[in-house]
Amino acid sequence: MRCLGVTALKLTQLGFPDDGEGKSWVELAVRMDEHTTAGEKDVFLEECQAFHTKVSLRMRTHLSLMAKNIDRTTWLAARLHRLDWLHRHVFPLVGA
């Protein structure tokens, strides 16, 4: 929470125990809004947490797929490059 520039005093005022350990930045952002009531914050928090979870899971899935594709295409490219090298340098020497 400190990386967001929130002091320990502000965390305590917002009702976060122990410097906000175990709390998410989403909850901190919702609790910092001074223009809503506690009841409204609870409703907003539920909606924001659901949205954050949905988006972060989609991002994680997308990044995982991208990493797998990069790994796969790197190996495919290396295999093609090796075959091209063999065709240019080795096969002519052995008469293939």
PDB file of N, CA and C in Angstrom:
ATOM      1  N   MET A   1       0.827  -1.195   0.000  1.00  0.00           N
ATOM      2  CA  MET A   1       0.000   0.000   0.000  1.00  0.00           C
ATOM      3  C   MET A   1       0.870   1.257   0.000  1.00  0.00           C
ATOM      4  N   ARG A   2       2.056   1.132   0.559  1.00  0.00           N
ATOM      5  CA  ARG A   2       2.926   2.305   0.614  1.00  0.00           C
ATOM      6  C   ARG A   2       3.382   2.727  -0.777  1.00  0.00           C
ATOM      7  N   CYS A   3       3.469   1.767  -1.700  1.00  0.00           N
ATOM      8  CA  CYS A   3       3.897   2.119  -3.054  1.00  0.00           C
ATOM      9  C   CYS A   3       2.870   3.003  -3.748  1.00  0.00           C
ATOM     10  N   LEU A   4       1.664   3.067  -3.228  1.00  0.00           N
ATOM     11  CA  LEU A   4       0.635   3.941  -3.785  1.00  0.00           C
ATOM     12  C   LEU A   4       0.686   5.343  -3.172  1.00  0.00           C
ATOM     13  N   GLY A   5       1.635   5.543  -2.261  1.00  0.00           N
ATOM     14  CA  GLY A   5       1.797   6.860  -1.648  1.00  0.00           C
ATOM     15  C   GLY A   5       0.843   7.129  -0.508  1.00  0.00           C
ATOM     16  N   VAL A   6       0.330   6.083   0.112  1.00  0.00           N
ATOM     17  CA  VAL A   6      -0.605   6.240   1.227  1.00  0.00           C
ATOM     18  C   VAL A   6       0.160   6.000   2.522  1.00  0.00           C
ATOM     19  N   THR A   7       0.047   6.926   3.447  1.00  0.00           N
ATOM     20  CA  THR A   7       0.765   6.814   4.715  1.00  0.00           C
ATOM     21  C   THR A   7       0.077   5.811   5.639  1.00  0.00           C
ATOM     22  N   ALA A   8       0.824   5.374   6.649  1.00  0.00           N
ATOM     23  CA  ALA A   8       0.276   4.444   7.638  1.00  0.00           C
ATOM     24  C   ALA A   8      -0.881   5.089   8.390  1.00  0.00           C
ATOM     25  N   LEU A   9      -0.772   6.391   8.651  1.00  0.00           N
ATOM     26  CA  LEU A   9      -1.841   7.109   9.348  1.00  0.00           C
ATOM     27  C   LEU A   9      -3.119   7.109   8.518  1.00  0.00           C
ATOM     28  N   LYS A  10      -2.989   7.363   7.220  1.00  0.00           N
ATOM     29  CA  LYS A  10      -4.156   7.376   6.334  1.00  0.00           C
ATOM     30  C   LYS A  10      -4.785   5.979   6.264  1.00  0.00           C
ATOM     31  N   LEU A  11      -3.947   4.950   6.219  1.00  0.00           N
ATOM     32  CA  LEU A  11      -4.468   3.575   6.213  1.00  0.00           C
ATOM     33  C   LEU A  11      -5.271   3.285   7.475  1.00  0.00           C
ATOM     34  N   THR A  12      -4.756   3.728   8.600  1.00  0.00           N
ATOM     35  CA  THR A  12      -5.464   3.518   9.868  1.00  0.00           C
ATOM     36  C   THR A  12      -6.792   4.273   9.865  1.00  0.00           C
ATOM     37  N   GLN A  13      -6.790   5.488   9.335  1.00  0.00           N
ATOM     38  CA  GLN A  13      -8.024   6.276   9.262  1.00  0.00           C
ATOM     39  C   GLN A  13      -9.063   5.622   8.356  1.00  0.00           C
ATOM     40  N   LEU A  14      -8.597   4.928   7.339  1.00  0.00           N
ATOM     41  CA  LEU A  14      -9.513   4.255   6.416  1.00  0.00           C
ATOM     42  C   LEU A  14      -9.981   2.903   6.945  1.00  0.00           C
ATOM     43  N   GLY A  15      -9.433   2.483   8.084  1.00  0.00           N
ATOM     44  CA  GLY A  15      -9.859   1.222   8.689  1.00  0.00           C
ATOM     45  C   GLY A  15      -9.056   0.017   8.251  1.00  0.00           C
ATOM     46  N   PHE A  16      -7.842   0.235   7.751  1.00  0.00           N
ATOM     47  CA  PHE A  16      -6.968  -0.864   7.349  1.00  0.00           C
ATOM     48  C   PHE A  16      -6.031  -1.190   8.505  1.00  0.00           C
ATOM     49  N   PRO A  17      -6.073  -2.416   9.013  1.00  0.00           N
ATOM     50  CA  PRO A  17      -5.157  -2.786  10.095  1.00  0.00           C
ATOM     51  C   PRO A  17      -3.768  -3.144   9.555  1.00  0.00           C
ATOM     52  N   ASP A  18      -2.767  -3.005  10.389  1.00  0.00           N
ATOM     53  CA  ASP A  18      -1.401  -3.468  10.080  1.00  0.00           C
ATOM     54  C   ASP A  18      -0.874  -2.957   8.743  1.00  0.00           C
ATOM     55  N   ASP A  19      -0.948  -1.681   8.525  1.00  0.00           N
ATOM     56  CA  ASP A  19      -0.443  -1.079   7.283  1.00  0.00           C
ATOM     57  C   ASP A  19      -1.091  -1.646   6.023  1.00  0.00           C
ATOM     58  N   GLY A  20      -2.299  -2.143   6.135  1.00  0.00           N
ATOM     59  CA  GLY A  20      -3.028  -2.601   4.951  1.00  0.00           C
ATOM     60  C   GLY A  20      -2.627  -3.981   4.461  1.00  0.00           C
ATOM     61  N   GLU A  21      -1.896  -4.735   5.263  1.00  0.00           N
ATOM     62  CA  GLU A  21      -1.498  -6.076   4.844  1.00  0.00           C
ATOM     63  C   GLU A  21      -2.734  -6.937   4.584  1.00  0.00           C
ATOM     64  N   GLY A  22      -2.728  -7.643   3.483  1.00  0.00           N
ATOM     65  CA  GLY A  22      -3.825  -8.534   3.140  1.00  0.00           C
ATOM     66  C   GLY A  22      -4.989  -7.857   2.442  1.00  0.00           C
ATOM     67  N   LYS A  23      -4.877  -6.568   2.217  1.00  0.00           N
ATOM     68  CA  LYS A  23      -5.936  -5.828   1.526  1.00  0.00           C
ATOM     69  C   LYS A  23      -5.470  -5.508   0.112  1.00  0.00           C
ATOM     70  N   SER A  24      -6.404  -5.375  -0.800  1.00  0.00           N
ATOM     71  CA  SER A  24      -6.045  -5.099  -2.191  1.00  0.00           C
ATOM     72  C   SER A  24      -6.052  -3.592  -2.453  1.00  0.00           C
ATOM     73  N   TRP A  25      -5.379  -3.220  -3.531  1.00  0.00           N
ATOM     74  CA  TRP A  25      -5.368  -1.815  -3.929  1.00  0.00           C
ATOM     75  C   TRP A  25      -6.754  -1.371  -4.372  1.00  0.00           C
ATOM     76  N   VAL A  26      -7.577  -2.313  -4.833  1.00  0.00           N
ATOM     77  CA  VAL A  26      -8.937  -1.980  -5.253  1.00  0.00           C
ATOM     78  C   VAL A  26      -9.738  -1.509  -4.043  1.00  0.00           C
ATOM     79  N   GLU A  27      -9.602  -2.237  -2.939  1.00  0.00           N
ATOM     80  CA  GLU A  27     -10.318  -1.834  -1.728  1.00  0.00           C
ATOM     81  C   GLU A  27      -9.818  -0.482  -1.236  1.00  0.00           C
ATOM     82  N   LEU A  28      -8.518  -0.261  -1.299  1.00  0.00           N
ATOM     83  CA  LEU A  28      -7.971   1.031  -0.884  1.00  0.00           C
ATOM     84  C   LEU A  28      -8.545   2.162  -1.734  1.00  0.00           C
ATOM     85  N   ALA A  29      -8.604   1.960  -3.043  1.00  0.00           N
ATOM     86  CA  ALA A  29      -9.125   2.998  -3.937  1.00  0.00           C
ATOM     87  C   ALA A  29     -10.581   3.317  -3.624  1.00  0.00           C
ATOM     88  N   VAL A  30     -11.371   2.287  -3.361  1.00  0.00           N
ATOM     89  CA  VAL A  30     -12.790   2.515  -3.046  1.00  0.00           C
ATOM     90  C   VAL A  30     -12.929   3.213  -1.701  1.00  0.00           C
ATOM     91  N   ARG A  31     -12.176   2.775  -0.713  1.00  0.00           N
ATOM     92  CA  ARG A  31     -12.280   3.365   0.632  1.00  0.00           C
ATOM     93  C   ARG A  31     -11.780   4.816   0.670  1.00  0.00           C
ATOM     94  N   MET A  32     -10.892   5.182  -0.250  1.00  0.00           N
ATOM     95  CA  MET A  32     -10.356   6.544  -0.252  1.00  0.00           C
ATOM     96  C   MET A  32     -11.352   7.578  -0.778  1.00  0.00           C
ATOM     97  N   ASP A  33     -12.394   7.150  -1.453  1.00  0.00           N
ATOM     98  CA  ASP A  33     -13.384   8.088  -1.985  1.00  0.00           C
ATOM     99  C   ASP A  33     -14.134   8.733  -0.817  1.00  0.00           C
ATOM    100  N   GLU A  34     -14.023  10.031  -0.722  1.00  0.00           N
ATOM    101  CA  GLU A  34     -14.607  10.749   0.409  1.00  0.00           C
ATOM    102  C   GLU A  34     -16.043  11.214   0.158  1.00  0.00           C
ATOM    103  N   HIS A  35     -16.551  11.005  -1.058  1.00  0.00           N
ATOM    104  CA  HIS A  35     -17.869  11.526  -1.414  1.00  0.00           C
ATOM    105  C   HIS A  35     -18.973  10.472  -1.381  1.00  0.00           C
ATOM    106  N   THR A  36     -18.680   9.296  -0.848  1.00  0.00           N
ATOM    107  CA  THR A  36     -19.706   8.246  -0.762  1.00  0.00           C
ATOM    108  C   THR A  36     -19.817   7.758   0.670  1.00  0.00           C
ATOM    109  N   THR A  37     -20.972   7.205   0.978  1.00  0.00           N
ATOM    110  CA  THR A  37     -21.207   6.685   2.327  1.00  0.00           C
ATOM    111  C   THR A  37     -20.583   5.298   2.460  1.00  0.00           C
ATOM    112  N   ALA A  38     -20.511   4.812   3.684  1.00  0.00           N
ATOM    113  CA  ALA A  38     -19.927   3.492   3.941  1.00  0.00           C
ATOM    114  C   ALA A  38     -20.734   2.401   3.241  1.00  0.00           C
ATOM    115  N   GLY A  39     -22.041   2.532   3.232  1.00  0.00           N
ATOM    116  CA  GLY A  39     -22.891   1.544   2.558  1.00  0.00           C
ATOM    117  C   GLY A  39     -22.656   1.516   1.061  1.00  0.00           C
ATOM    118  N   GLU A  40     -22.532   2.716   0.477  1.00  0.00           N
ATOM    119  CA  GLU A  40     -22.251   2.798  -0.958  1.00  0.00           C
ATOM    120  C   GLU A  40     -20.876   2.220  -1.273  1.00  0.00           C
ATOM    121  N   LYS A  41     -19.909   2.468  -0.388  1.00  0.00           N
ATOM    122  CA  LYS A  41     -18.561   1.940  -0.595  1.00  0.00           C
ATOM    123  C   LYS A  41     -18.572   0.415  -0.611  1.00  0.00           C
ATOM    124  N   ASP A  42     -19.395  -0.174   0.262  1.00  0.00           N
ATOM    125  CA  ASP A  42     -19.480  -1.639   0.293  1.00  0.00           C
ATOM    126  C   ASP A  42     -20.021  -2.185  -1.025  1.00  0.00           C
ATOM    127  N   VAL A  43     -21.029  -1.516  -1.575  1.00  0.00           N
ATOM    128  CA  VAL A  43     -21.602  -1.936  -2.860  1.00  0.00           C
ATOM    129  C   VAL A  43     -20.577  -1.746  -3.972  1.00  0.00           C
ATOM    130  N   PHE A  44     -19.939  -0.568  -3.996  1.00  0.00           N
ATOM    131  CA  PHE A  44     -18.928  -0.289  -5.020  1.00  0.00           C
ATOM    132  C   PHE A  44     -17.771  -1.266  -4.919  1.00  0.00           C
ATOM    133  N   LEU A  45     -17.387  -1.581  -3.687  1.00  0.00           N
ATOM    134  CA  LEU A  45     -16.256  -2.483  -3.485  1.00  0.00           C
ATOM    135  C   LEU A  45     -16.543  -3.851  -4.082  1.00  0.00           C
ATOM    136  N   GLU A  46     -17.728  -4.337  -3.852  1.00  0.00           N
ATOM    137  CA  GLU A  46     -18.112  -5.643  -4.404  1.00  0.00           C
ATOM    138  C   GLU A  46     -18.048  -5.629  -5.934  1.00  0.00           C
ATOM    139  N   GLU A  47     -18.592  -4.572  -6.530  1.00  0.00           N
ATOM    140  CA  GLU A  47     -18.589  -4.458  -7.991  1.00  0.00           C
ATOM    141  C   GLU A  47     -17.177  -4.282  -8.540  1.00  0.00           C
ATOM    142  N   CYS A  48     -16.385  -3.460  -7.878  1.00  0.00           N
ATOM    143  CA  CYS A  48     -15.010  -3.216  -8.341  1.00  0.00           C
ATOM    144  C   CYS A  48     -14.143  -4.468  -8.211  1.00  0.00           C
ATOM    145  N   GLN A  49     -14.305  -5.203  -7.117  1.00  0.00           N
ATOM    146  CA  GLN A  49     -13.540  -6.438  -6.938  1.00  0.00           C
ATOM    147  C   GLN A  49     -13.913  -7.453  -8.015  1.00  0.00           C
ATOM    148  N   ALA A  50     -15.199  -7.564  -8.323  1.00  0.00           N
ATOM    149  CA  ALA A  50     -15.640  -8.499  -9.361  1.00  0.00           C
ATOM    150  C   ALA A  50     -15.067  -8.105 -10.720  1.00  0.00           C
ATOM    151  N   PHE A  51     -15.095  -6.803 -11.019  1.00  0.00           N
ATOM    152  CA  PHE A  51     -14.545  -6.321 -12.291  1.00  0.00           C
ATOM    153  C   PHE A  51     -13.033  -6.564 -12.348  1.00  0.00           C
ATOM    154  N   HIS A  52     -12.345  -6.251 -11.265  1.00  0.00           N
ATOM    155  CA  HIS A  52     -10.889  -6.434 -11.212  1.00  0.00           C
ATOM    156  C   HIS A  52     -10.523  -7.909 -11.391  1.00  0.00           C
ATOM    157  N   THR A  53     -11.256  -8.784 -10.747  1.00  0.00           N
ATOM    158  CA  THR A  53     -10.991 -10.219 -10.874  1.00  0.00           C
ATOM    159  C   THR A  53     -11.214 -10.686 -12.306  1.00  0.00           C
ATOM    160  N   LYS A  54     -12.299 -10.251 -12.904  1.00  0.00           N
ATOM    161  CA  LYS A  54     -12.622 -10.641 -14.284  1.00  0.00           C
ATOM    162  C   LYS A  54     -11.537 -10.165 -15.253  1.00  0.00           C
ATOM    163  N   VAL A  55     -11.147  -8.908 -15.135  1.00  0.00           N
ATOM    164  CA  VAL A  55     -10.143  -8.350 -16.042  1.00  0.00           C
ATOM    165  C   VAL A  55      -8.781  -8.993 -15.817  1.00  0.00           C
ATOM    166  N   SER A  56      -8.385  -9.145 -14.574  1.00  0.00           N
ATOM    167  CA  SER A  56      -7.058  -9.708 -14.303  1.00  0.00           C
ATOM    168  C   SER A  56      -6.974 -11.166 -14.740  1.00  0.00           C
ATOM    169  N   LEU A  57      -8.058 -11.927 -14.619  1.00  0.00           N
ATOM    170  CA  LEU A  57      -8.033 -13.306 -15.097  1.00  0.00           C
ATOM    171  C   LEU A  57      -7.929 -13.370 -16.618  1.00  0.00           C
ATOM    172  N   ARG A  58      -8.628 -12.463 -17.294  1.00  0.00           N
ATOM    173  CA  ARG A  58      -8.521 -12.408 -18.766  1.00  0.00           C
ATOM    174  C   ARG A  58      -7.108 -12.020 -19.188  1.00  0.00           C
ATOM    175  N   MET A  59      -6.517 -11.059 -18.481  1.00  0.00           N
ATOM    176  CA  MET A  59      -5.148 -10.650 -18.799  1.00  0.00           C
ATOM    177  C   MET A  59      -4.181 -11.804 -18.569  1.00  0.00           C
ATOM    178  N   ARG A  60      -4.356 -12.505 -17.476  1.00  0.00           N
ATOM    179  CA  ARG A  60      -3.475 -13.638 -17.160  1.00  0.00           C
ATOM    180  C   ARG A  60      -3.590 -14.720 -18.229  1.00  0.00           C
ATOM    181  N   THR A  61      -4.800 -15.026 -18.644  1.00  0.00           N
ATOM    182  CA  THR A  61      -5.018 -16.031 -19.674  1.00  0.00           C
ATOM    183  C   THR A  61      -4.396 -15.590 -20.996  1.00  0.00           C
ATOM    184  N   HIS A  62      -4.597 -14.336 -21.353  1.00  0.00           N
ATOM    185  CA  HIS A  62      -4.044 -13.811 -22.594  1.00  0.00           C
ATOM    186  C   HIS A  62      -2.516 -13.849 -22.573  1.00  0.00           C
ATOM    187  N   LEU A  63      -1.920 -13.406 -21.480  1.00  0.00           N
ATOM    188  CA  LEU A  63      -0.465 -13.401 -21.393  1.00  0.00           C
ATOM    189  C   LEU A  63       0.103 -14.815 -21.398  1.00  0.00           C
ATOM    190  N   SER A  64      -0.586 -15.737 -20.766  1.00  0.00           N
ATOM    191  CA  SER A  64      -0.147 -17.134 -20.780  1.00  0.00           C
ATOM    192  C   SER A  64      -0.186 -17.697 -22.192  1.00  0.00           C
ATOM    193  N   LEU A  65      -1.253 -17.419 -22.911  1.00  0.00           N
ATOM    194  CA  LEU A  65      -1.366 -17.874 -24.293  1.00  0.00           C
ATOM    195  C   LEU A  65      -0.281 -17.247 -25.161  1.00  0.00           C
ATOM    196  N   MET A  66      -0.033 -15.959 -24.974  1.00  0.00           N
ATOM    197  CA  MET A  66       1.018 -15.283 -25.743  1.00  0.00           C
ATOM    198  C   MET A  66       2.383 -15.910 -25.462  1.00  0.00           C
ATOM    199  N   ALA A  67       2.664 -16.218 -24.204  1.00  0.00           N
ATOM    200  CA  ALA A  67       3.951 -16.836 -23.852  1.00  0.00           C
ATOM    201  C   ALA A  67       4.086 -18.206 -24.508  1.00  0.00           C
ATOM    202  N   LYS A  68       3.017 -18.981 -24.495  1.00  0.00           N
ATOM    203  CA  LYS A  68       3.061 -20.296 -25.137  1.00  0.00           C
ATOM    204  C   LYS A  68       3.273 -20.171 -26.642  1.00  0.00           C
ATOM    205  N   ASN A  69       2.598 -19.204 -27.264  1.00  0.00           N
ATOM    206  CA  ASN A  69       2.761 -18.999 -28.704  1.00  0.00           C
ATOM    207  C   ASN A  69       4.174 -18.552 -29.052  1.00  0.00           C
ATOM    208  N   ILE A  70       4.736 -17.663 -28.243  1.00  0.00           N
ATOM    209  CA  ILE A  70       6.112 -17.221 -28.486  1.00  0.00           C
ATOM    210  C   ILE A  70       7.073 -18.386 -28.350  1.00  0.00           C
ATOM    211  N   ASP A  71       6.897 -19.183 -27.308  1.00  0.00           N
ATOM    212  CA  ASP A  71       7.765 -20.350 -27.113  1.00  0.00           C
ATOM    213  C   ASP A  71       7.630 -21.321 -28.276  1.00  0.00           C
ATOM    214  N   ARG A  72       6.407 -21.585 -28.682  1.00  0.00           N
ATOM    215  CA  ARG A  72       6.167 -22.524 -29.779  1.00  0.00           C
ATOM    216  C   ARG A  72       6.757 -22.014 -31.086  1.00  0.00           C
ATOM    217  N   THR A  73       6.513 -20.757 -31.420  1.00  0.00           N
ATOM    218  CA  THR A  73       7.004 -20.224 -32.694  1.00  0.00           C
ATOM    219  C   THR A  73       8.519 -20.077 -32.692  1.00  0.00           C
ATOM    220  N   THR A  74       9.107 -19.835 -31.523  1.00  0.00           N
ATOM    221  CA  THR A  74      10.565 -19.765 -31.451  1.00  0.00           C
ATOM    222  C   THR A  74      11.173 -21.105 -31.801  1.00  0.00           C
ATOM    223  N   TRP A  75      10.602 -22.174 -31.251  1.00  0.00           N
ATOM    224  CA  TRP A  75      11.123 -23.509 -31.552  1.00  0.00           C
ATOM    225  C   TRP A  75      10.866 -23.880 -33.009  1.00  0.00           C
ATOM    226  N   LEU A  76       9.708 -23.510 -33.535  1.00  0.00           N
ATOM    227  CA  LEU A  76       9.429 -23.786 -34.950  1.00  0.00           C
ATOM    228  C   LEU A  76      10.390 -23.026 -35.850  1.00  0.00           C
ATOM    229  N   ALA A  77      10.642 -21.771 -35.531  1.00  0.00           N
ATOM    230  CA  ALA A  77      11.565 -20.969 -36.329  1.00  0.00           C
ATOM    231  C   ALA A  77      12.978 -21.547 -36.254  1.00  0.00           C
ATOM    232  N   ALA A  78      13.380 -21.995 -35.097  1.00  0.00           N
ATOM    233  CA  ALA A  78      14.708 -22.592 -34.955  1.00  0.00           C
ATOM    234  C   ALA A  78      14.806 -23.869 -35.783  1.00  0.00           C
ATOM    235  N   ARG A  79      13.758 -24.660 -35.789  1.00  0.00           N
ATOM    236  CA  ARG A  79      13.759 -25.895 -36.571  1.00  0.00           C
ATOM    237  C   ARG A  79      13.852 -25.582 -38.064  1.00  0.00           C
ATOM    238  N   LEU A  80      13.092 -24.598 -38.528  1.00  0.00           N
ATOM    239  CA  LEU A  80      13.145 -24.212 -39.938  1.00  0.00           C
ATOM    240  C   LEU A  80      14.510 -23.642 -40.301  1.00  0.00           C
ATOM    241  N   HIS A  81      15.060 -22.861 -39.416  1.00  0.00           N
ATOM    242  CA  HIS A  81      16.371 -22.274 -39.666  1.00  0.00           C
ATOM    243  C   HIS A  81      17.430 -23.375 -39.760  1.00  0.00           C
ATOM    244  N   ARG A  82      17.347 -24.363 -38.890  1.00  0.00           N
ATOM    245  CA  ARG A  82      18.305 -25.470 -38.893  1.00  0.00           C
ATOM    246  C   ARG A  82      18.189 -26.253 -40.198  1.00  0.00           C
ATOM    247  N   LEU A  83      16.957 -26.511 -40.651  1.00  0.00           N
ATOM    248  CA  LEU A  83      16.768 -27.248 -41.898  1.00  0.00           C
ATOM    249  C   LEU A  83      17.298 -26.449 -43.081  1.00  0.00           C
ATOM    250  N   ASP A  84      17.070 -25.144 -43.059  1.00  0.00           N
ATOM    251  CA  ASP A  84      17.575 -24.298 -44.133  1.00  0.00           C
ATOM    252  C   ASP A  84      19.098 -24.346 -44.164  1.00  0.00           C
ATOM    253  N   TRP A  85      19.725 -24.293 -43.008  1.00  0.00           N
ATOM    254  CA  TRP A  85      21.183 -24.355 -42.922  1.00  0.00           C
ATOM    255  C   TRP A  85      21.688 -25.698 -43.432  1.00  0.00           C
ATOM    256  N   LEU A  86      21.001 -26.773 -43.056  1.00  0.00           N
ATOM    257  CA  LEU A  86      21.398 -28.105 -43.527  1.00  0.00           C
ATOM    258  C   LEU A  86      21.309 -28.196 -45.050  1.00  0.00           C
ATOM    259  N   HIS A  87      20.234 -27.661 -45.617  1.00  0.00           N
ATOM    260  CA  HIS A  87      20.069 -27.699 -47.069  1.00  0.00           C
ATOM    261  C   HIS A  87      21.166 -26.901 -47.786  1.00  0.00           C
ATOM    262  N   ARG A  88      21.575 -25.794 -47.203  1.00  0.00           N
ATOM    263  CA  ARG A  88      22.578 -24.957 -47.868  1.00  0.00           C
ATOM    264  C   ARG A  88      24.004 -25.458 -47.673  1.00  0.00           C
ATOM    265  N   HIS A  89      24.321 -26.045 -46.509  1.00  0.00           N
ATOM    266  CA  HIS A  89      25.718 -26.353 -46.193  1.00  0.00           C
ATOM    267  C   HIS A  89      26.059 -27.844 -46.152  1.00  0.00           C
ATOM    268  N   VAL A  90      25.179 -28.661 -45.668  1.00  0.00           N
ATOM    269  CA  VAL A  90      25.528 -30.075 -45.475  1.00  0.00           C
ATOM    270  C   VAL A  90      25.085 -30.933 -46.655  1.00  0.00           C
ATOM    271  N   PHE A  91      23.854 -30.781 -47.074  1.00  0.00           N
ATOM    272  CA  PHE A  91      23.350 -31.638 -48.157  1.00  0.00           C
ATOM    273  C   PHE A  91      24.173 -31.538 -49.451  1.00  0.00           C
ATOM    274  N   PRO A  92      24.640 -30.356 -49.860  1.00  0.00           N
ATOM    275  CA  PRO A  92      25.486 -30.308 -51.068  1.00  0.00           C
ATOM    276  C   PRO A  92      26.795 -31.082 -50.919  1.00  0.00           C
ATOM    277  N   LEU A  93      27.319 -31.143 -49.707  1.00  0.00           N
ATOM    278  CA  LEU A  93      28.588 -31.854 -49.476  1.00  0.00           C
ATOM    279  C   LEU A  93      28.437 -33.369 -49.577  1.00  0.00           C
ATOM    280  N   VAL A  94      27.288 -33.866 -49.155  1.00  0.00           N
ATOM    281  CA  VAL A  94      27.066 -35.312 -49.184  1.00  0.00           C
ATOM    282  C   VAL A  94      26.338 -35.755 -50.443  1.00  0.00           C
ATOM    283  N   GLY A  95      26.047 -34.825 -51.307  1.00  0.00           N
ATOM    284  CA  GLY A  95      25.398 -35.158 -52.572  1.00  0.00           C
ATOM    285  C   GLY A  95      23.916 -35.438 -52.468  1.00  0.00           C
ATOM    286  N   ALA A  96      23.301 -34.909 -51.446  1.00  0.00           N
ATOM    287  CA  ALA A  96      21.860 -35.137 -51.277  1.00  0.00           C
ATOM    288  C   ALA A  96      21.048 -34.083 -51.966  1.00  0.00           C
TER     289      ALA A  96
END
